[in-house]
C-alpha atoms as a PDB file:
ATOM      1  CA  MET A   1     113.035  99.030  65.737  1.00  0.00           C
ATOM      2  CA  THR A   2     115.611  96.975  68.274  1.00  0.00           C
ATOM      3  CA  ARG A   3     118.990  96.358  66.154  1.00  0.00           C
ATOM      4  CA  LEU A   4     120.609  93.530  68.854  1.00  0.00           C
ATOM      5  CA  LEU A   5     124.310  93.014  68.454  1.00  0.00           C
ATOM      6  CA  ALA A   6     126.594  89.781  67.900  1.00  0.00           C
ATOM      7  CA  ILE A   7     127.561  87.784  70.513  1.00  0.00           C
ATOM      8  CA  PRO A   8     130.763  88.306  69.614  1.00  0.00           C
ATOM      9  CA  LEU A   9     130.858  91.671  70.930  1.00  0.00           C
ATOM     10  CA  PHE A  10     130.961  89.905  73.945  1.00  0.00           C
ATOM     11  CA  LEU A  11     134.446  89.094  74.238  1.00  0.00           C
ATOM     12  CA  THR A  12     134.634  88.832  78.164  1.00  0.00           C
ATOM     13  CA  LEU A  13     132.808  85.589  78.418  1.00  0.00           C
ATOM     14  CA  ALA A  14     134.279  82.264  78.113  1.00  0.00           C
ATOM     15  CA  GLY A  15     133.619  79.129  78.917  1.00  0.00           C
ATOM     16  CA  CYS A  16     130.278  77.281  78.522  1.00  0.00           C
ATOM     17  CA  GLY A  17     127.378  78.895  78.193  1.00  0.00           C
ATOM     18  CA  LYS A  18     128.831  81.714  75.869  1.00  0.00           C
ATOM     19  CA  ALA A  19     125.745  81.898  73.945  1.00  0.00           C
ATOM     20  CA  ASP A  20     123.480  81.706  76.169  1.00  0.00           C
ATOM     21  CA  VAL A  21     124.775  84.208  78.915  1.00  0.00           C
ATOM     22  CA  ALA A  22     125.298  86.769  75.811  1.00  0.00           C
ATOM     23  CA  ALA A  23     121.405  86.418  75.126  1.00  0.00           C
ATOM     24  CA  GLU A  24     120.674  87.076  78.417  1.00  0.00           C
ATOM     25  CA  MET A  25     122.885  90.316  78.663  1.00  0.00           C
ATOM     26  CA  GLU A  26     121.071  91.771  75.086  1.00  0.00           C
ATOM     27  CA  ALA A  27     117.618  90.464  76.785  1.00  0.00           C
ATOM     28  CA  SER A  28     118.354  92.537  79.431  1.00  0.00           C
ATOM     29  CA  LEU A  29     120.214  96.050  77.891  1.00  0.00           C
ATOM     30  CA  LEU A  30     116.870  95.886  76.163  1.00  0.00           C
ATOM     31  CA  SER A  31     114.260  95.306  78.157  1.00  0.00           C
ATOM     32  CA  THR A  32     116.018  97.634  80.761  1.00  0.00           C
ATOM     33  CA  ASN A  33     115.369 100.223  77.782  1.00  0.00           C
ATOM     34  CA  HIS A  34     111.697  99.755  78.197  1.00  0.00           C
ATOM     35  CA  ALA A  35     111.433 100.332  81.457  1.00  0.00           C
ATOM     36  CA  ILE A  36     113.829 103.742  81.122  1.00  0.00           C
ATOM     37  CA  GLY A  37     111.042 104.650  78.133  1.00  0.00           C
ATOM     38  CA  ILE A  38     107.901 104.005  80.372  1.00  0.00           C
ATOM     39  CA  ALA A  39     109.515 105.693  83.405  1.00  0.00           C
ATOM     40  CA  LEU A  40     110.066 108.332  80.911  1.00  0.00           C
ATOM     41  CA  ILE A  41     106.776 108.843  79.448  1.00  0.00           C
ATOM     42  CA  VAL A  42     104.835 108.825  82.894  1.00  0.00           C
ATOM     43  CA  SER A  43     107.428 111.261  84.014  1.00  0.00           C
ATOM     44  CA  ASP A  44     106.103 113.403  81.292  1.00  0.00           C
ATOM     45  CA  VAL A  45     102.509 113.846  81.718  1.00  0.00           C
ATOM     46  CA  ALA A  46     103.102 114.361  85.635  1.00  0.00           C
ATOM     47  CA  SER A  47     105.848 116.551  85.360  1.00  0.00           C
ATOM     48  CA  TYR A  48     102.800 119.744  84.305  1.00  0.00           C
ATOM     49  CA  HIS A  49     100.965 119.293  87.445  1.00  0.00           C
ATOM     50  CA  LEU A  50     101.986 123.019  88.631  1.00  0.00           C
ATOM     51  CA  GLU A  51     100.699 124.766  85.645  1.00  0.00           C
ATOM     52  CA  THR A  52      97.018 126.498  85.470  1.00  0.00           C
ATOM     53  CA  PRO A  53      95.035 124.805  82.658  1.00  0.00           C
ATOM     54  CA  SER A  54      93.170 127.034  80.230  1.00  0.00           C
ATOM     55  CA  GLU A  55      89.654 127.362  79.702  1.00  0.00           C
ATOM     56  CA  ILE A  56      88.853 125.358  76.079  1.00  0.00           C
ATOM     57  CA  PRO A  57      88.669 128.529  74.013  1.00  0.00           C
ATOM     58  CA  THR A  58      85.679 129.581  72.344  1.00  0.00           C
ATOM     59  CA  THR A  59      86.186 128.445  68.669  1.00  0.00           C
ATOM     60  CA  THR A  60      88.661 126.036  66.974  1.00  0.00           C
ATOM     61  CA  ASP A  61      89.306 128.322  63.907  1.00  0.00           C
ATOM     62  CA  THR A  62      92.397 126.554  63.377  1.00  0.00           C
ATOM     63  CA  GLY A  63      93.634 129.300  60.606  1.00  0.00           C
ATOM     64  CA  ASP A  64      93.805 131.904  63.486  1.00  0.00           C
ATOM     65  CA  THR A  65      97.134 132.230  65.344  1.00  0.00           C
ATOM     66  CA  GLY A  66      95.275 134.260  68.137  1.00  0.00           C
ATOM     67  CA  ASP A  67      97.285 136.994  67.696  1.00  0.00           C
ATOM     68  CA  SER A  68      94.519 139.109  68.244  1.00  0.00           C
ATOM     69  CA  GLY A  69      94.950 138.995  72.052  1.00  0.00           C
ATOM     70  CA  ASP A  70      91.699 138.171  72.345  1.00  0.00           C
ATOM     71  CA  THR A  71      92.281 135.073  74.446  1.00  0.00           C
ATOM     72  CA  GLY A  72      88.316 133.948  74.897  1.00  0.00           C
ATOM     73  CA  THR A  73      88.180 133.213  71.315  1.00  0.00           C
ATOM     74  CA  SER A  74      91.715 132.146  70.530  1.00  0.00           C
ATOM     75  CA  PRO A  75      91.556 128.975  68.947  1.00  0.00           C
ATOM     76  CA  SER A  76      91.991 125.909  70.567  1.00  0.00           C
ATOM     77  CA  ARG A  77      94.609 123.364  70.235  1.00  0.00           C
ATOM     78  CA  ARG A  78      93.199 120.243  70.743  1.00  0.00           C
ATOM     79  CA  HIS A  79      94.127 117.904  68.470  1.00  0.00           C
ATOM     80  CA  GLY A  80      95.766 120.503  66.702  1.00  0.00           C
ATOM     81  CA  GLN A  81      99.437 122.236  66.320  1.00  0.00           C
ATOM     82  CA  ILE A  82      98.760 125.592  67.836  1.00  0.00           C
ATOM     83  CA  GLY A  83     100.980 126.986  70.551  1.00  0.00           C
ATOM     84  CA  PRO A  84     103.189 125.173  73.219  1.00  0.00           C
ATOM     85  CA  CYS A  85     102.846 121.285  73.804  1.00  0.00           C
ATOM     86  CA  PRO A  86     100.978 120.025  75.482  1.00  0.00           C
ATOM     87  CA  GLU A  87      98.603 122.283  76.185  1.00  0.00           C
ATOM     88  CA  LEU A  88      96.145 121.754  79.341  1.00  0.00           C
ATOM     89  CA  PHE A  89      92.982 122.320  79.419  1.00  0.00           C
ATOM     90  CA  ALA A  90      90.094 122.524  82.181  1.00  0.00           C
ATOM     91  CA  LEU A  91      87.308 120.036  81.583  1.00  0.00           C
ATOM     92  CA  SER A  92      85.729 120.306  84.322  1.00  0.00           C
ATOM     93  CA  ASP A  93      86.935 122.096  88.590  1.00  0.00           C
ATOM     94  CA  ASP A  94      89.330 118.674  88.833  1.00  0.00           C
ATOM     95  CA  LEU A  95      89.422 117.126  84.802  1.00  0.00           C
ATOM     96  CA  ILE A  96      92.463 118.300  83.309  1.00  0.00           C
ATOM     97  CA  GLU A  97      93.691 117.337  79.114  1.00  0.00           C
ATOM     98  CA  VAL A  98      96.923 117.109  78.683  1.00  0.00           C
ATOM     99  CA  ASP A  99      96.549 117.414  75.096  1.00  0.00           C
ATOM    100  CA  TYR A 100      99.471 117.189  72.888  1.00  0.00           C
ATOM    101  CA  GLY A 101      97.920 117.898  69.447  1.00  0.00           C
ATOM    102  CA  THR A 102      98.446 116.206  66.631  1.00  0.00           C
ATOM    103  CA  GLY A 103     101.773 115.513  67.293  1.00  0.00           C
ATOM    104  CA  CYS A 104     104.803 117.433  68.900  1.00  0.00           C
ATOM    105  CA  LEU A 105     108.688 117.180  70.936  1.00  0.00           C
ATOM    106  CA  PRO A 106     107.290 117.489  74.665  1.00  0.00           C
ATOM    107  CA  ARG A 107     108.590 120.862  76.383  1.00  0.00           C
ATOM    108  CA  SER A 108     109.722 118.950  79.380  1.00  0.00           C
ATOM    109  CA  GLY A 109     112.375 117.189  77.886  1.00  0.00           C
ATOM    110  CA  LEU A 110     112.089 114.177  78.586  1.00  0.00           C
ATOM    111  CA  MET A 111     110.714 112.583  75.440  1.00  0.00           C
ATOM    112  CA  PRO A 112     112.719 111.752  72.280  1.00  0.00           C
ATOM    113  CA  VAL A 113     110.300 111.750  69.724  1.00  0.00           C
ATOM    114  CA  VAL A 114     107.000 112.974  68.363  1.00  0.00           C
ATOM    115  CA  VAL A 115     104.231 112.847  71.122  1.00  0.00           C
ATOM    116  CA  ALA A 116     100.295 113.098  70.102  1.00  0.00           C
ATOM    117  CA  GLY A 117      96.795 112.615  71.356  1.00  0.00           C
ATOM    118  CA  ALA A 118      96.033 113.219  75.389  1.00  0.00           C
ATOM    119  CA  THR A 119      95.862 112.151  78.954  1.00  0.00           C
ATOM    120  CA  LEU A 120      93.188 113.058  80.875  1.00  0.00           C
ATOM    121  CA  VAL A 121      93.985 113.512  84.661  1.00  0.00           C
ATOM    122  CA  VAL A 122      92.445 114.485  87.820  1.00  0.00           C
ATOM    123  CA  ARG A 123      94.798 116.503  90.185  1.00  0.00           C
ATOM    124  CA  ASP A 124      94.155 117.073  93.206  1.00  0.00           C
ATOM    125  CA  GLY A 125      96.625 119.073  95.344  1.00  0.00           C
ATOM    126  CA  THR A 126      99.735 117.254  94.905  1.00  0.00           C
ATOM    127  CA  ARG A 127      98.489 114.163  93.724  1.00  0.00           C
ATOM    128  CA  PHE A 128      97.939 113.942  89.700  1.00  0.00           C
ATOM    129  CA  ASP A 129      96.277 110.496  88.611  1.00  0.00           C
ATOM    130  CA  GLY A 130      96.092 110.176  84.875  1.00  0.00           C
ATOM    131  CA  ASP A 131      94.251 107.846  82.423  1.00  0.00           C
ATOM    132  CA  PHE A 132      96.162 107.673  78.755  1.00  0.00           C
ATOM    133  CA  ASP A 133      93.381 108.300  76.277  1.00  0.00           C
ATOM    134  CA  THR A 134      94.583 109.044  72.833  1.00  0.00           C
ATOM    135  CA  TYR A 135      98.326 109.245  73.858  1.00  0.00           C
ATOM    136  CA  ALA A 136     100.301 108.110  70.875  1.00  0.00           C
ATOM    137  CA  ILE A 137     104.528 107.759  70.291  1.00  0.00           C
ATOM    138  CA  ASN A 138     105.682 108.721  66.851  1.00  0.00           C
ATOM    139  CA  LEU A 139     102.228 108.928  65.645  1.00  0.00           C
ATOM    140  CA  SER A 140     101.958 104.896  65.361  1.00  0.00           C
ATOM    141  CA  HIS A 141     102.804 103.538  69.197  1.00  0.00           C
ATOM    142  CA  PHE A 142     100.199 103.705  71.178  1.00  0.00           C
ATOM    143  CA  ILE A 143      99.859 103.963  75.296  1.00  0.00           C
ATOM    144  CA  THR A 144      96.745 102.960  77.086  1.00  0.00           C
ATOM    145  CA  GLY A 145      96.372 102.608  81.180  1.00  0.00           C
ATOM    146  CA  THR A 146      96.512 104.624  84.011  1.00  0.00           C
ATOM    147  CA  MET A 147      99.239 106.448  86.660  1.00  0.00           C
ATOM    148  CA  SER A 148      98.885 108.279  90.358  1.00  0.00           C
ATOM    149  CA  ALA A 149     101.430 110.926  90.801  1.00  0.00           C
ATOM    150  CA  GLU A 150     102.363 112.424  93.895  1.00  0.00           C
ATOM    151  CA  VAL A 151     104.918 115.344  93.345  1.00  0.00           C
ATOM    152  CA  THR A 152     106.593 117.507  96.011  1.00  0.00           C
ATOM    153  CA  GLY A 153     109.269 120.277  95.227  1.00  0.00           C
ATOM    154  CA  THR A 154     109.156 123.338  93.241  1.00  0.00           C
ATOM    155  CA  GLU A 155     109.484 124.135  89.208  1.00  0.00           C
ATOM    156  CA  GLY A 156     113.284 123.482  88.515  1.00  0.00           C
ATOM    157  CA  ASN A 157     113.593 120.595  92.132  1.00  0.00           C
ATOM    158  CA  LEU A 158     110.205 118.534  91.622  1.00  0.00           C
ATOM    159  CA  ASP A 159     110.625 114.871  92.715  1.00  0.00           C
ATOM    160  CA  ILE A 160     107.594 113.063  91.511  1.00  0.00           C
ATOM    161  CA  THR A 161     106.587 109.300  92.281  1.00  0.00           C
ATOM    162  CA  THR A 162     103.789 107.660  90.001  1.00  0.00           C
ATOM    163  CA  ASP A 163     102.592 104.261  90.455  1.00  0.00           C
ATOM    164  CA  PHE A 164     101.610 103.234  86.902  1.00  0.00           C
ATOM    165  CA  ASP A 165      99.687  99.936  84.884  1.00  0.00           C
ATOM    166  CA  LEU A 166     100.785 100.436  81.434  1.00  0.00           C
ATOM    167  CA  THR A 167     100.057  98.492  77.785  1.00  0.00           C
ATOM    168  CA  ALA A 168     102.269  99.929  75.225  1.00  0.00           C
ATOM    169  CA  THR A 169     102.085  98.069  71.308  1.00  0.00           C
ATOM    170  CA  ASP A 170     103.170  99.328  67.949  1.00  0.00           C
ATOM    171  CA  GLY A 171     100.542  97.000  66.095  1.00  0.00           C
ATOM    172  CA  THR A 172     102.856  93.851  66.006  1.00  0.00           C
ATOM    173  CA  GLU A 173     104.853  93.667  69.652  1.00  0.00           C
ATOM    174  CA  SER A 174     103.358  94.648  73.178  1.00  0.00           C
ATOM    175  CA  LEU A 175     104.384  95.162  76.295  1.00  0.00           C
ATOM    176  CA  ASP A 176     102.908  95.398  79.835  1.00  0.00           C
ATOM    177  CA  ALA A 177     104.260  97.870  81.915  1.00  0.00           C
ATOM    178  CA  ALA A 178     103.473  98.327  85.840  1.00  0.00           C
ATOM    179  CA  GLY A 179     105.607  99.667  89.055  1.00  0.00           C
ATOM    180  CA  THR A 180     106.544 102.609  91.145  1.00  0.00           C
ATOM    181  CA  ILE A 181     109.186 105.195  89.727  1.00  0.00           C
ATOM    182  CA  THR A 182     110.331 108.614  91.569  1.00  0.00           C
ATOM    183  CA  ALA A 183     111.769 111.156  88.277  1.00  0.00           C
ATOM    184  CA  ALA A 184     114.222 113.547  90.560  1.00  0.00           C
ATOM    185  CA  PHE A 185     114.505 116.917  88.511  1.00  0.00           C
ATOM    186  CA  THR A 186     116.995 119.290  88.426  1.00  0.00           C
ATOM    187  CA  ALA A 187     116.660 122.356  85.911  1.00  0.00           C
ATOM    188  CA  GLU A 188     119.184 120.185  83.815  1.00  0.00           C
ATOM    189  CA  THR A 189     118.587 116.664  84.162  1.00  0.00           C
ATOM    190  CA  VAL A 190     116.329 113.446  85.992  1.00  0.00           C
ATOM    191  CA  SER A 191     117.574 111.148  87.826  1.00  0.00           C
ATOM    192  CA  LEU A 192     115.303 107.962  87.400  1.00  0.00           C
ATOM    193  CA  ASN A 193     114.903 105.243  90.922  1.00  0.00           C
ATOM    194  CA  GLY A 194     112.562 102.415  91.076  1.00  0.00           C
ATOM    195  CA  THR A 195     110.478  99.509  90.129  1.00  0.00           C
ATOM    196  CA  VAL A 196     109.580  98.826  86.659  1.00  0.00           C
ATOM    197  CA  LYS A 197     107.695  95.152  85.863  1.00  0.00           C
ATOM    198  CA  ILE A 198     107.914  94.264  82.001  1.00  0.00           C
ATOM    199  CA  LYS A 199     106.072  91.404  80.554  1.00  0.00           C
ATOM    200  CA  GLU A 200     106.933  90.968  76.741  1.00  0.00           C
ATOM    201  CA  LYS A 201     107.463  86.882  76.221  1.00  0.00           C
ATOM    202  CA  GLY A 202     107.917  86.833  80.088  1.00  0.00           C
ATOM    203  CA  SER A 203     107.902  88.751  82.955  1.00  0.00           C
ATOM    204  CA  VAL A 204     110.980  90.292  84.283  1.00  0.00           C
ATOM    205  CA  ARG A 205     111.194  93.364  87.038  1.00  0.00           C
ATOM    206  CA  HIS A 206     113.808  95.741  86.774  1.00  0.00           C
ATOM    207  CA  SER A 207     115.363  97.995  89.034  1.00  0.00           C
ATOM    208  CA  LEU A 208     116.317 101.360  88.086  1.00  0.00           C
ATOM    209  CA  ASP A 209     119.175 102.782  90.497  1.00  0.00           C
ATOM    210  CA  LYS A 210     120.249 106.414  89.881  1.00  0.00           C
ATOM    211  CA  VAL A 211     119.841 106.079  86.806  1.00  0.00           C
ATOM    212  CA  LYS A 212     120.924 110.170  85.509  1.00  0.00           C
ATOM    213  CA  LEU A 213     119.966 111.488  82.026  1.00  0.00           C
ATOM    214  CA  ALA A 214     120.596 115.388  81.288  1.00  0.00           C
ATOM    215  CA  LEU A 215     117.881 116.502  79.134  1.00  0.00           C
ATOM    216  CA  SER A 216     120.112 117.261  76.600  1.00  0.00           C
ATOM    217  CA  ASP A 217     121.217 113.917  76.021  1.00  0.00           C
ATOM    218  CA  ILE A 218     117.191 112.413  76.061  1.00  0.00           C
ATOM    219  CA  PRO A 219     116.784 113.559  72.333  1.00  0.00           C
ATOM    220  CA  GLY A 220     118.122 111.699  69.579  1.00  0.00           C
ATOM    221  CA  GLU A 221     118.460 108.129  68.805  1.00  0.00           C
ATOM    222  CA  CYS A 222     118.049 106.789  72.753  1.00  0.00           C
ATOM    223  CA  PRO A 223     118.181 108.021  75.781  1.00  0.00           C
ATOM    224  CA  GLU A 224     121.588 107.180  76.957  1.00  0.00           C
ATOM    225  CA  PRO A 225     121.723 107.690  80.978  1.00  0.00           C
ATOM    226  CA  ALA A 226     125.494 109.400  81.898  1.00  0.00           C
ATOM    227  CA  LYS A 227     125.138 107.473  85.689  1.00  0.00           C
ATOM    228  CA  GLY A 228     123.114 104.486  87.486  1.00  0.00           C
ATOM    229  CA  HIS A 229     122.190 101.221  86.921  1.00  0.00           C
ATOM    230  CA  ALA A 230     119.503  99.433  85.852  1.00  0.00           C
ATOM    231  CA  THR A 231     119.163  95.907  86.718  1.00  0.00           C
ATOM    232  CA  ALA A 232     116.825  92.927  85.560  1.00  0.00           C
ATOM    233  CA  HIS A 233     115.791  90.847  87.796  1.00  0.00           C
ATOM    234  CA  ARG A 234     116.323  86.737  85.783  1.00  0.00           C
ATOM    235  CA  ASP A 235     117.551  83.873  87.060  1.00  0.00           C
ATOM    236  CA  ALA A 236     120.471  86.054  87.869  1.00  0.00           C
ATOM    237  CA  ASP A 237     120.701  89.414  88.173  1.00  0.00           C
ATOM    238  CA  ALA A 238     121.952  91.591  85.282  1.00  0.00           C
ATOM    239  CA  ILE A 239     123.105  94.821  85.879  1.00  0.00           C
ATOM    240  CA  VAL A 240     123.232  97.481  82.951  1.00  0.00           C
ATOM    241  CA  ASP A 241     126.048 100.305  84.309  1.00  0.00           C
ATOM    242  CA  TYR A 242     125.867 103.223  82.826  1.00  0.00           C
ATOM    243  CA  ALA A 243     129.024 104.862  83.299  1.00  0.00           C
ATOM    244  CA  LYS A 244     131.157 102.732  82.425  1.00  0.00           C
ATOM    245  CA  PRO A 245     132.608 103.159  80.094  1.00  0.00           C
ATOM    246  CA  GLY A 246     130.210 106.458  79.237  1.00  0.00           C
ATOM    247  CA  GLY A 247     129.405 107.888  76.463  1.00  0.00           C
ATOM    248  CA  GLY A 248     126.428 105.751  75.158  1.00  0.00           C
ATOM    249  CA  GLN A 249     128.658 102.863  75.948  1.00  0.00           C
ATOM    250  CA  VAL A 250     127.719 100.406  79.039  1.00  0.00           C
ATOM    251  CA  THR A 251     129.038  97.098  80.289  1.00  0.00           C
ATOM    252  CA  VAL A 252     126.359  94.265  81.701  1.00  0.00           C
ATOM    253  CA  GLU A 253     127.514  92.098  84.784  1.00  0.00           C
ATOM    254  CA  LEU A 254     125.255  88.545  84.988  1.00  0.00           C
ATOM    255  CA  GLY A 255     126.974  86.610  88.184  1.00  0.00           C
ATOM    256  CA  LYS A 256     130.811  86.883  87.532  1.00  0.00           C
ATOM    257  CA  ARG A 257     130.579  87.806  84.033  1.00  0.00           C
ATOM    258  CA  THR A 258     131.159  90.936  82.726  1.00  0.00           C
ATOM    259  CA  SER A 259     130.590  92.234  79.136  1.00  0.00           C
ATOM    260  CA  ASP A 260     133.058  94.015  76.801  1.00  0.00           C
ATOM    261  CA  ASN A 261     131.799  97.672  76.524  1.00  0.00           C
ATOM    262  CA  VAL A 262     128.424  98.135  74.616  1.00  0.00           C
ATOM    263  CA  ARG A 263     126.305 101.123  72.713  1.00  0.00           C
ATOM    264  CA  LEU A 264     123.628 101.189  74.408  1.00  0.00           C
ATOM    265  CA  CYS A 265     121.565 102.563  71.551  1.00  0.00           C
ATOM    266  CA  ALA A 266     121.830  99.230  69.787  1.00  0.00           C
ATOM    267  CA  PHE A 267     119.226  97.580  71.642  1.00  0.00           C
ATOM    268  CA  ASP A 268     117.202 100.952  71.807  1.00  0.00           C
ATOM    269  CA  SER A 269     113.164  99.870  72.665  1.00  0.00           C
ATOM    270  CA  TRP A 270     110.616  99.868  70.238  1.00  0.00           C
ATOM    271  CA  ILE A 271     108.490 101.856  72.501  1.00  0.00           C
ATOM    272  CA  PHE A 272     110.381 104.925  70.703  1.00  0.00           C
END
């Protein structure tokens, strides 16, 4: 769950309305982390578009590791934990199941926590239309909704632009998220650009501007961008600067006011 920092940490704020401004900054830190989380989820699902799906195996004997080499009778990992995660299965000529099994850390490197369940996608050339079927994060946070992705480039140098309309819930809290995100991949990084509208106790649009994450920095307490900005467009724009000072510390600008350095993961999204 989110751990809100005490208002005194925003020591550079001065004058009347300090508490209101600090609360606005805190809310913006949390909601921009929601936006980045949603961007990583849809980019993870779309990142497997280059892979060739397997036919659904003829046996589901999960006690067999498939070492016999008989690929026609190797066990299915649908809702199991055999093979890499996720595994793609061809359900028809154009319908593919992206299967995360009973829970694993996706090999894309985009997810900081375990993912389970599956998404169903229709692939047509470079287009990738997805339906979140039984998708779960940390085995308890559920994502439903749809996405459509367009992919350009080659493996190790991909650009994936995704339109999405999702709902996330953990049984207690929930939010709706819609927007368009472009994820630019290299072998070691992902850069996020686009907009995410989050509806949770009000509706706020967010802009992600060259939000760059090293894939090695995504697993852990929370994803920590090294560069770029995220803006929560509230009554006044709240701008989170991931490079000032960096190293997991950020600042927030709201109007003419700037926060002290704040630890980003103190506002980690409950989505993860």
